[in-house]
Amino acid sequence: MTQSKLPNWLENKYAVLWDKFKGATFRMGDAEKILQRGYVDKVQGVAVVLSELRKAGWIVVVPDPKDARKSIYHLKSKDDIIKSIFSAET
């Protein structure tokens, strides 16, 4: 289920990631490079951001086919988020 509203701190991190990656896939290391530029204090903070976005339904996480210990992330667009919210209500 997709949440319609995120806490401000999380929506700000989503916006930073969206500005960089848009619809492209990325890995944890890529997110760390972006978010550690003044947005998140530690590497663990990046994991929390990605986990919270996943729980809210704003990011898709799939296992990395090359290394099952790692994941590949894909941000949902705001349009897709809105569509999933309204489709869940019907």
Protein backbone atom coordinates (compact mmCIF):
# COMPACT_ATOMS: atom_id res chain seq x y z
CA MET A 1 0.00 0.00 0.00
CA THR A 2 1.36 3.38 -0.96
CA GLN A 3 1.27 6.21 1.57
CA SER A 4 -0.05 9.47 0.19
CA LYS A 5 2.07 11.65 2.45
CA LEU A 6 5.58 11.18 3.78
CA PRO A 7 7.12 12.95 6.75
CA ASN A 8 8.85 16.14 5.57
CA TRP A 9 12.36 14.81 6.29
CA LEU A 10 11.70 11.73 4.13
CA GLU A 11 10.01 13.63 1.31
CA ASN A 12 13.04 15.95 1.17
CA LYS A 13 15.37 12.94 0.76
CA TYR A 14 13.06 11.50 -1.92
CA ALA A 15 13.27 14.82 -3.81
CA VAL A 16 17.08 14.81 -3.67
CA LEU A 17 17.23 11.23 -4.96
CA TRP A 18 14.60 11.95 -7.65
CA ASP A 19 16.54 14.98 -8.89
CA LYS A 20 19.57 12.76 -9.41
CA PHE A 21 18.14 9.43 -10.57
CA LYS A 22 14.62 10.19 -11.92
CA GLY A 23 13.45 6.85 -13.37
CA ALA A 24 16.88 5.20 -13.46
CA THR A 25 17.90 2.33 -11.21
CA PHE A 26 20.60 2.80 -8.61
CA ARG A 27 22.39 0.96 -5.82
CA MET A 28 23.00 1.75 -2.16
CA GLY A 29 26.46 3.16 -2.94
CA ASP A 30 24.98 5.60 -5.44
CA ALA A 31 22.43 6.81 -2.88
CA GLU A 32 25.17 7.14 -0.26
CA LYS A 33 27.19 9.44 -2.52
CA ILE A 34 24.18 11.71 -3.07
CA LEU A 35 22.70 11.75 0.42
CA GLN A 36 25.97 12.11 2.31
CA ARG A 37 26.49 15.53 0.72
CA GLY A 38 24.80 17.19 3.68
CA TYR A 39 21.52 15.29 3.71
CA VAL A 40 22.32 12.24 5.88
CA ASP A 41 24.99 11.97 8.56
CA LYS A 42 26.00 8.32 8.27
CA VAL A 43 25.77 5.36 5.94
CA GLN A 44 23.19 3.80 8.29
CA GLY A 45 21.04 6.88 7.71
CA VAL A 46 20.94 6.13 3.99
CA ALA A 47 19.72 2.59 4.72
CA VAL A 48 16.98 4.05 6.93
CA VAL A 49 15.88 6.46 4.18
CA LEU A 50 15.69 3.69 1.58
CA SER A 51 13.89 1.37 4.00
CA GLU A 52 11.30 4.00 4.91
CA LEU A 53 10.70 4.82 1.24
CA ARG A 54 10.20 1.11 0.55
CA LYS A 55 7.73 0.75 3.43
CA ALA A 56 5.82 3.79 2.15
CA GLY A 57 5.66 2.31 -1.36
CA TRP A 58 7.63 5.15 -2.95
CA ILE A 59 10.55 2.97 -4.09
CA VAL A 60 10.83 -0.47 -5.68
CA VAL A 61 13.56 -2.78 -4.42
CA VAL A 62 14.71 -5.87 -6.32
CA PRO A 63 17.62 -8.23 -5.62
CA ASP A 64 20.76 -7.60 -7.63
CA PRO A 65 21.06 -10.51 -10.09
CA LYS A 66 24.86 -10.33 -9.86
CA ASP A 67 25.01 -10.36 -6.04
CA ALA A 68 22.03 -11.60 -4.00
CA ARG A 69 23.31 -9.74 -0.92
CA LYS A 70 22.71 -6.41 -2.64
CA SER A 71 19.65 -4.63 -3.98
CA ILE A 72 18.76 -2.43 -6.92
CA TYR A 73 16.46 0.52 -6.25
CA HIS A 74 14.03 2.35 -8.52
CA LEU A 75 12.12 5.43 -7.37
CA LYS A 76 8.48 5.66 -8.32
CA SER A 77 7.46 8.91 -9.98
CA LYS A 78 4.94 11.11 -8.19
CA ASP A 79 2.48 10.30 -11.01
CA ASP A 80 2.86 6.56 -10.35
CA ILE A 81 2.49 7.13 -6.61
CA ILE A 82 -0.74 9.08 -7.11
CA LYS A 83 -2.10 6.41 -9.49
CA SER A 84 -1.36 3.63 -7.00
CA ILE A 85 -3.03 5.57 -4.18
CA PHE A 86 -6.22 6.07 -6.18
CA SER A 87 -6.26 2.53 -7.55
CA ALA A 88 -5.98 1.16 -3.99
CA GLU A 89 -9.03 3.20 -2.93
CA THR A 90 -11.32 1.70 -5.56
